[in-house]
Protein backbone atom coordinates (compact mmCIF):
# COMPACT_ATOMS: atom_id res chain seq x y z
CA MET A 1 23.64 -1.88 -7.35
CA ALA A 2 21.71 1.36 -7.93
CA ILE A 3 17.94 1.12 -8.11
CA ASP A 4 16.59 1.67 -11.63
CA LEU A 5 12.96 2.69 -11.18
CA GLU A 6 12.03 2.47 -14.87
CA THR A 7 13.54 -1.00 -15.26
CA ASN A 8 11.77 -2.17 -12.10
CA LYS A 9 8.44 -0.90 -13.48
CA GLU A 10 9.05 -2.64 -16.81
CA ASN A 11 10.05 -5.86 -15.05
CA ALA A 12 7.03 -5.81 -12.71
CA ILE A 13 4.71 -5.46 -15.72
CA ALA A 14 6.53 -8.17 -17.69
CA PHE A 15 6.48 -10.49 -14.67
CA TYR A 16 2.77 -10.01 -14.08
CA ARG A 17 1.82 -10.23 -17.76
CA THR A 18 3.90 -13.37 -18.33
CA ALA A 19 2.44 -15.18 -15.32
CA TYR A 20 -1.13 -13.95 -15.88
CA MET A 21 -1.15 -14.98 -19.52
CA GLY A 22 -0.12 -18.54 -18.72
CA ASN A 23 3.64 -18.85 -18.29
CA PRO A 24 4.36 -18.43 -14.58
CA MET A 25 7.50 -20.59 -14.71
CA GLU A 26 9.11 -18.23 -17.23
CA ALA A 27 7.99 -15.24 -15.13
CA VAL A 28 9.65 -16.67 -12.02
CA GLU A 29 12.83 -17.67 -13.86
CA LYS A 30 13.31 -14.20 -15.36
CA TYR A 31 12.06 -11.84 -12.67
CA VAL A 32 12.03 -13.41 -9.18
CA GLY A 33 14.90 -13.44 -6.68
CA ASP A 34 16.07 -16.28 -4.47
CA ASP A 35 13.09 -15.99 -2.12
CA TYR A 36 9.50 -14.96 -2.82
CA ILE A 37 7.19 -13.77 -0.03
CA GLN A 38 3.48 -13.75 -0.88
CA HIS A 39 0.82 -11.73 0.97
CA ASN A 40 -2.19 -12.75 -1.15
CA PRO A 41 -4.05 -15.17 1.17
CA LEU A 42 -5.01 -17.42 -1.76
CA VAL A 43 -1.38 -18.09 -2.77
CA GLY A 44 1.32 -19.84 -0.77
CA ASN A 45 4.81 -18.48 -0.13
CA GLY A 46 7.61 -19.32 -2.50
CA LYS A 47 8.17 -19.73 -6.20
CA GLU A 48 6.55 -23.15 -6.57
CA ALA A 49 3.32 -22.07 -4.90
CA PHE A 50 3.17 -19.04 -7.20
CA ILE A 51 3.76 -21.19 -10.30
CA GLU A 52 1.09 -23.71 -9.30
CA TYR A 53 -1.48 -21.00 -8.57
CA PHE A 54 -1.00 -19.32 -11.95
CA LYS A 55 -0.90 -22.62 -13.87
CA GLN A 56 -4.27 -23.51 -12.33
CA MET A 57 -5.64 -20.05 -13.12
CA ALA A 58 -4.57 -20.35 -16.77
CA LYS A 59 -6.26 -23.74 -17.02
CA GLU A 60 -9.52 -22.59 -15.43
CA TYR A 61 -9.70 -19.11 -17.02
CA PRO A 62 -7.86 -19.16 -20.37
CA ASP A 63 -9.82 -16.21 -21.82
CA LYS A 64 -9.05 -13.61 -19.16
CA SER A 65 -7.32 -10.36 -20.11
CA ILE A 66 -5.33 -7.66 -18.39
CA GLU A 67 -4.54 -4.02 -19.11
CA PHE A 68 -1.85 -2.18 -17.17
CA VAL A 69 -3.30 1.25 -16.44
CA ARG A 70 -0.38 2.71 -14.50
CA ALA A 71 2.86 1.82 -12.77
CA VAL A 72 4.50 3.79 -9.98
CA ALA A 73 7.95 3.15 -8.55
CA GLU A 74 9.59 4.46 -5.42
CA GLY A 75 12.70 3.05 -3.78
CA ASN A 76 12.58 -0.73 -4.09
CA LEU A 77 8.78 -0.86 -4.58
CA VAL A 78 6.63 -0.91 -7.71
CA SER A 79 2.86 -0.51 -7.71
CA LEU A 80 0.70 -1.63 -10.64
CA HIS A 81 -2.90 -0.55 -11.23
CA THR A 82 -4.65 -2.95 -13.61
CA HIS A 83 -7.96 -3.61 -15.31
CA GLN A 84 -8.83 -7.29 -15.63
CA ILE A 85 -11.68 -8.89 -17.58
CA TRP A 86 -12.63 -12.45 -16.65
CA PRO A 87 -15.14 -14.91 -18.12
CA ASP A 88 -18.74 -13.72 -18.18
CA ASP A 89 -17.40 -10.17 -18.55
CA GLU A 90 -16.61 -9.80 -14.86
CA GLU A 91 -14.30 -6.82 -14.50
CA TYR A 92 -11.85 -6.17 -11.69
CA VAL A 93 -9.51 -3.40 -10.65
CA THR A 94 -6.32 -4.59 -8.96
CA MET A 95 -3.50 -2.86 -7.18
CA ASP A 96 -0.34 -4.91 -6.83
CA PHE A 97 2.81 -3.99 -4.98
CA PHE A 98 6.16 -5.65 -5.61
CA ARG A 99 9.35 -5.33 -3.57
CA PHE A 100 12.62 -5.72 -5.45
CA ASP A 101 15.93 -6.90 -4.01
CA ASP A 102 19.31 -5.22 -4.61
CA ASN A 103 19.74 -7.27 -7.80
CA GLY A 104 16.52 -5.95 -9.36
CA LYS A 105 14.54 -9.16 -8.72
CA ILE A 106 11.05 -9.41 -7.24
CA VAL A 107 11.06 -10.87 -3.73
CA GLU A 108 7.71 -9.85 -2.21
CA HIS A 109 4.13 -9.19 -3.35
CA TRP A 110 0.94 -7.63 -1.92
CA ASP A 111 -2.34 -7.02 -3.73
CA ALA A 112 -5.89 -5.78 -3.45
CA VAL A 113 -8.65 -6.85 -5.85
CA GLN A 114 -12.09 -5.28 -6.27
CA GLN A 115 -14.87 -6.11 -8.69
CA ILE A 116 -15.82 -3.04 -10.71
CA PRO A 117 -19.38 -1.97 -9.91
CA GLU A 118 -21.88 -1.04 -12.61
CA THR A 119 -22.52 2.34 -10.98
CA THR A 120 -20.90 4.53 -8.36
CA LYS A 121 -22.32 7.17 -6.05
CA ASN A 122 -19.57 9.59 -7.04
CA GLY A 123 -19.72 8.99 -10.81
CA ASN A 124 -15.96 8.38 -10.99
CA THR A 125 -14.34 5.43 -12.70
CA MET A 126 -12.01 3.01 -10.92
CA TYR A 127 -9.13 4.47 -12.96
């Protein structure tokens, strides 16, 4: 199957949004392949660990929000750059990387999360 970069970007965003907003089971059913390798140290490997982590997050932080700032695709990888707002107006920038299998399903994930500072020495935004 040929790699469709635009579809992979759309599916990475839909996967992340669906899980983040409280329906990780649907996200996994629609967008994840047979195996799921996780590199975030707070989340276990596999689909069930992912679902449990995001179910707990939805319960503890129901009012969080996410904006997808940009998506970049190359080969079988998609990178997402997001802006997240959590309770007490804590803001975070995240960079997530997803690897897709030959069937267009997500099979691996890496991320980096940083709280957005009030000021910067360079005057640039995180986006």
